[in-house]
Amino acid sequence: MRLPRIMIVLAAVLALVVGCSSSDNDDPDAAASSSSPTESDGDEPSDPDPTGKQSGDVQFRPMIAARPADAGAPADTPKKLRRNFAATDCTEDPRPAKAKKTTVACGIGDTKYLLDPAVVVNSLTSAQAVEFRGEWVVAVIVSSEAQQAFETLAESADNPPLIAIEQGGTVLQVRGIAQLADKGRTSIDGDFDEREAAEIAELLGATIDS
């Protein structure tokens, strides 16, 4: 006559175990950690290089689109990139991206950019703050190899792209590819004073091999 009572106890214990298990799965933090991807699919923002080296790279990237910082991505943007575009907050610190990945970056002004993978990384031979027509700018010159890469891109494209000069996740300037392809030089401007131009020149100059 004790058997039914034992079965009732076992049933109660089983219900308790199941209840504990389901409560763990309802924890948002536990669910997030268990389902977090171990590898990026390439369309999500990448974490900055912990060594800090990646953040100093100067990347010359063809521009896909430019939008106000608070606007959405263009309608024809792939879904994952649209999500990435929306998630990029230009009021937060920039996040450097891998050169071979399409990325979203903010400009010095109130603009957000969708950028193709870099066609040239670093390859500067000069970066100097100079005064031009009463305004301070940063004059940059690229290597002959980089100039050739720009020339090849300009010749192969039906519509030669604009090139974004990006460093550390921030777009410093967007220029037509013709200047870089024809002369291997361009400038970065932005209503800088002398100190600001000198600081940008120093950051860019740090990538030049001595």
Protein backbone atom coordinates (compact mmCIF):
# COMPACT_ATOMS: atom_id res chain seq x y z
CA MET A 1 0.00 0.00 0.00
CA ARG A 2 3.03 2.30 0.19
CA LEU A 3 3.76 2.14 -3.55
CA PRO A 4 1.37 4.88 -4.62
CA ARG A 5 2.74 7.22 -1.98
CA ILE A 6 6.33 6.62 -3.23
CA MET A 7 5.21 7.35 -6.78
CA ILE A 8 3.65 10.63 -5.64
CA VAL A 9 6.94 11.65 -3.97
CA LEU A 10 8.94 10.74 -7.09
CA ALA A 11 6.56 12.74 -9.25
CA ALA A 12 6.98 15.77 -7.00
CA VAL A 13 10.80 15.51 -7.16
CA LEU A 14 10.69 15.19 -10.95
CA ALA A 15 8.49 18.28 -11.23
CA LEU A 16 10.94 20.22 -9.05
CA VAL A 17 13.92 19.23 -11.23
CA VAL A 18 12.11 20.19 -14.44
CA GLY A 19 11.08 23.51 -12.94
CA CYS A 20 14.69 24.37 -11.99
CA SER A 21 15.90 23.48 -15.46
CA SER A 22 13.35 25.69 -17.20
CA SER A 23 14.05 28.64 -14.90
CA ASP A 24 17.73 28.56 -15.99
CA ASN A 25 16.67 28.79 -19.62
CA ASP A 26 14.50 31.84 -18.84
CA ASP A 27 17.53 33.81 -17.64
CA PRO A 28 18.40 36.30 -20.45
CA ASP A 29 22.09 36.41 -19.48
CA ALA A 30 22.40 32.66 -19.42
CA ALA A 31 20.59 32.34 -22.74
CA ALA A 32 22.75 35.00 -24.34
CA SER A 33 26.00 33.41 -23.19
CA SER A 34 24.97 29.97 -24.31
CA SER A 35 23.92 31.18 -27.75
CA SER A 36 26.69 33.70 -28.36
CA PRO A 37 28.50 33.02 -31.63
CA THR A 38 32.13 32.02 -31.35
CA GLU A 39 33.06 33.48 -34.70
CA SER A 40 31.98 36.59 -36.61
CA ASP A 41 30.26 36.03 -39.94
CA GLY A 42 32.07 39.06 -41.30
CA ASP A 43 29.09 41.40 -41.45
CA GLU A 44 28.98 42.26 -37.76
CA PRO A 45 31.22 44.91 -36.18
CA SER A 46 34.59 43.49 -35.25
CA ASP A 47 36.25 44.11 -31.90
CA PRO A 48 39.26 46.38 -31.88
CA ASP A 49 42.66 44.67 -31.94
CA PRO A 50 43.67 44.35 -28.25
CA THR A 51 47.26 45.25 -29.21
CA GLY A 52 46.10 48.65 -30.44
CA LYS A 53 48.00 48.28 -33.71
CA GLN A 54 44.93 47.85 -35.86
CA SER A 55 43.42 51.10 -34.64
CA GLY A 56 46.34 53.02 -36.19
CA ASP A 57 46.00 51.64 -39.73
CA VAL A 58 45.09 54.12 -42.44
CA GLN A 59 42.60 52.39 -44.72
CA PHE A 60 41.58 53.72 -48.12
CA ARG A 61 38.09 52.32 -48.76
CA PRO A 62 35.70 52.77 -51.70
CA MET A 63 32.55 54.44 -50.40
CA ILE A 64 29.25 52.61 -50.96
CA ALA A 65 26.98 55.19 -49.35
CA ALA A 66 26.95 58.17 -47.01
CA ARG A 67 23.98 59.06 -44.82
CA PRO A 68 23.22 61.41 -41.93
CA ALA A 69 24.29 59.79 -38.66
CA ASP A 70 20.70 59.36 -37.48
CA ALA A 71 19.38 57.96 -40.80
CA GLY A 72 18.97 54.35 -41.84
CA ALA A 73 20.99 52.51 -44.46
CA PRO A 74 20.04 52.74 -48.16
CA ALA A 75 17.12 50.50 -49.13
CA ASP A 76 19.25 48.19 -51.27
CA THR A 77 21.71 47.46 -48.44
CA PRO A 78 21.86 43.74 -47.47
CA LYS A 79 19.94 42.91 -44.31
CA LYS A 80 22.95 42.18 -42.08
CA LEU A 81 24.68 45.38 -43.13
CA ARG A 82 21.48 47.35 -42.50
CA ARG A 83 21.45 45.98 -38.95
CA ASN A 84 25.11 46.88 -38.54
CA PHE A 85 24.44 50.37 -39.93
CA ALA A 86 21.57 50.94 -37.51
CA ALA A 87 23.62 49.65 -34.55
CA THR A 88 26.54 52.00 -35.20
CA ASP A 89 26.23 54.96 -32.84
CA CYS A 90 28.33 57.93 -33.91
CA THR A 91 28.25 59.38 -30.39
CA GLU A 92 30.25 56.43 -29.07
CA ASP A 93 33.95 55.64 -29.47
CA PRO A 94 34.71 54.29 -32.96
CA ARG A 95 35.47 50.60 -33.48
CA PRO A 96 38.28 49.76 -35.90
CA ALA A 97 37.35 47.24 -38.59
CA LYS A 98 39.37 44.63 -40.42
CA ALA A 99 40.63 45.91 -43.75
CA LYS A 100 39.16 43.02 -45.75
CA LYS A 101 35.63 43.47 -44.38
CA THR A 102 32.82 45.74 -45.50
CA THR A 103 32.19 48.09 -42.61
CA VAL A 104 30.24 51.05 -41.23
CA ALA A 105 32.18 54.06 -39.96
CA CYS A 106 31.36 57.56 -38.77
CA GLY A 107 32.96 60.71 -40.06
CA ILE A 108 34.37 63.64 -38.18
CA GLY A 109 31.13 65.44 -39.00
CA ASP A 110 27.58 64.20 -38.59
CA THR A 111 27.80 61.52 -41.31
CA LYS A 112 27.76 57.73 -41.32
CA TYR A 113 29.43 55.75 -44.10
CA LEU A 114 28.99 52.29 -45.59
CA LEU A 115 32.40 51.25 -46.93
CA ASP A 116 33.80 48.48 -49.08
CA PRO A 117 36.95 46.56 -48.03
CA ALA A 118 40.15 48.61 -48.17
CA VAL A 119 42.03 48.77 -51.46
CA VAL A 120 45.11 50.24 -49.79
CA VAL A 121 46.24 50.00 -46.16
CA ASN A 122 48.78 52.49 -44.83
CA SER A 123 51.28 53.11 -47.71
CA LEU A 124 51.69 56.79 -46.78
CA THR A 125 55.02 58.42 -47.52
CA SER A 126 54.16 61.83 -46.06
CA ALA A 127 51.56 63.46 -43.79
CA GLN A 128 52.02 67.11 -42.90
CA ALA A 129 49.91 69.89 -41.44
CA VAL A 130 50.06 72.86 -43.82
CA GLU A 131 48.26 76.15 -44.16
CA PHE A 132 46.48 76.45 -47.51
CA ARG A 133 44.53 79.53 -48.49
CA GLY A 134 44.17 80.56 -44.88
CA GLU A 135 42.99 77.14 -43.67
CA TRP A 136 44.86 74.33 -41.97
CA VAL A 137 44.78 70.99 -43.77
CA VAL A 138 46.73 67.73 -43.68
CA ALA A 139 48.56 67.04 -46.92
CA VAL A 140 49.18 63.33 -47.56
CA ILE A 141 51.17 61.49 -50.19
CA VAL A 142 50.91 57.74 -50.86
CA SER A 143 53.52 55.36 -52.22
CA SER A 144 53.88 54.60 -55.93
CA GLU A 145 52.46 51.11 -55.30
CA ALA A 146 49.36 52.60 -53.69
CA GLN A 147 49.01 55.12 -56.52
CA GLN A 148 49.08 52.21 -58.99
CA ALA A 149 46.36 50.40 -57.01
CA PHE A 150 44.14 53.50 -57.22
CA GLU A 151 44.86 53.87 -60.93
CA THR A 152 43.91 50.23 -61.57
CA LEU A 153 40.66 50.63 -59.61
CA ALA A 154 39.78 53.84 -61.44
CA GLU A 155 40.33 52.20 -64.83
CA SER A 156 38.42 49.02 -64.03
CA ALA A 157 35.32 50.63 -62.48
CA ASP A 158 32.39 51.74 -64.62
CA ASN A 159 31.87 54.57 -62.16
CA PRO A 160 35.12 55.44 -60.35
CA PRO A 161 34.29 55.42 -56.63
CA LEU A 162 34.88 58.01 -54.00
CA ILE A 163 37.59 56.92 -51.58
CA ALA A 164 37.15 57.26 -47.82
CA ILE A 165 40.33 57.77 -45.83
CA GLU A 166 39.58 55.95 -42.59
CA GLN A 167 41.70 55.49 -39.49
CA GLY A 168 40.74 53.79 -36.26
CA GLY A 169 37.11 53.49 -37.29
CA THR A 170 36.71 57.18 -38.19
CA VAL A 171 36.41 58.56 -41.72
CA LEU A 172 38.76 61.54 -41.93
CA GLN A 173 37.95 62.55 -45.50
CA VAL A 174 36.26 61.37 -48.70
CA ARG A 175 37.97 62.20 -51.97
CA GLY A 176 37.59 61.41 -55.65
CA ILE A 177 39.91 58.64 -56.75
CA ALA A 178 41.39 60.78 -59.56
CA GLN A 179 43.68 62.75 -57.24
CA LEU A 180 45.09 59.60 -55.71
CA ALA A 181 45.43 57.81 -59.04
CA ASP A 182 46.97 60.71 -60.99
CA LYS A 183 49.22 62.33 -58.42
CA GLY A 184 49.31 59.99 -55.44
CA ARG A 185 48.42 62.84 -53.14
CA THR A 186 45.41 64.51 -51.56
CA SER A 187 44.50 66.50 -48.47
CA ILE A 188 42.33 66.16 -45.40
CA ASP A 189 40.40 69.22 -44.31
CA GLY A 190 37.67 69.89 -41.79
CA ASP A 191 37.81 73.42 -40.42
CA PHE A 192 40.86 72.44 -38.36
CA ASP A 193 43.01 74.80 -36.39
CA GLU A 194 46.78 74.36 -36.48
CA ARG A 195 46.86 72.09 -33.43
CA GLU A 196 44.12 69.78 -34.72
CA ALA A 197 45.76 69.47 -38.14
CA ALA A 198 49.08 68.69 -36.48
CA GLU A 199 47.50 65.99 -34.31
CA ILE A 200 45.91 64.27 -37.32
CA ALA A 201 49.18 64.50 -39.24
CA GLU A 202 50.98 62.89 -36.30
CA LEU A 203 48.47 60.01 -36.15
CA LEU A 204 48.77 59.42 -39.89
CA GLY A 205 52.54 59.80 -39.80
CA ALA A 206 52.81 57.06 -37.18
CA THR A 207 51.93 54.54 -39.90
CA ILE A 208 54.85 55.58 -42.13
CA ASP A 209 57.74 53.13 -42.09
CA SER A 210 60.91 54.85 -41.02
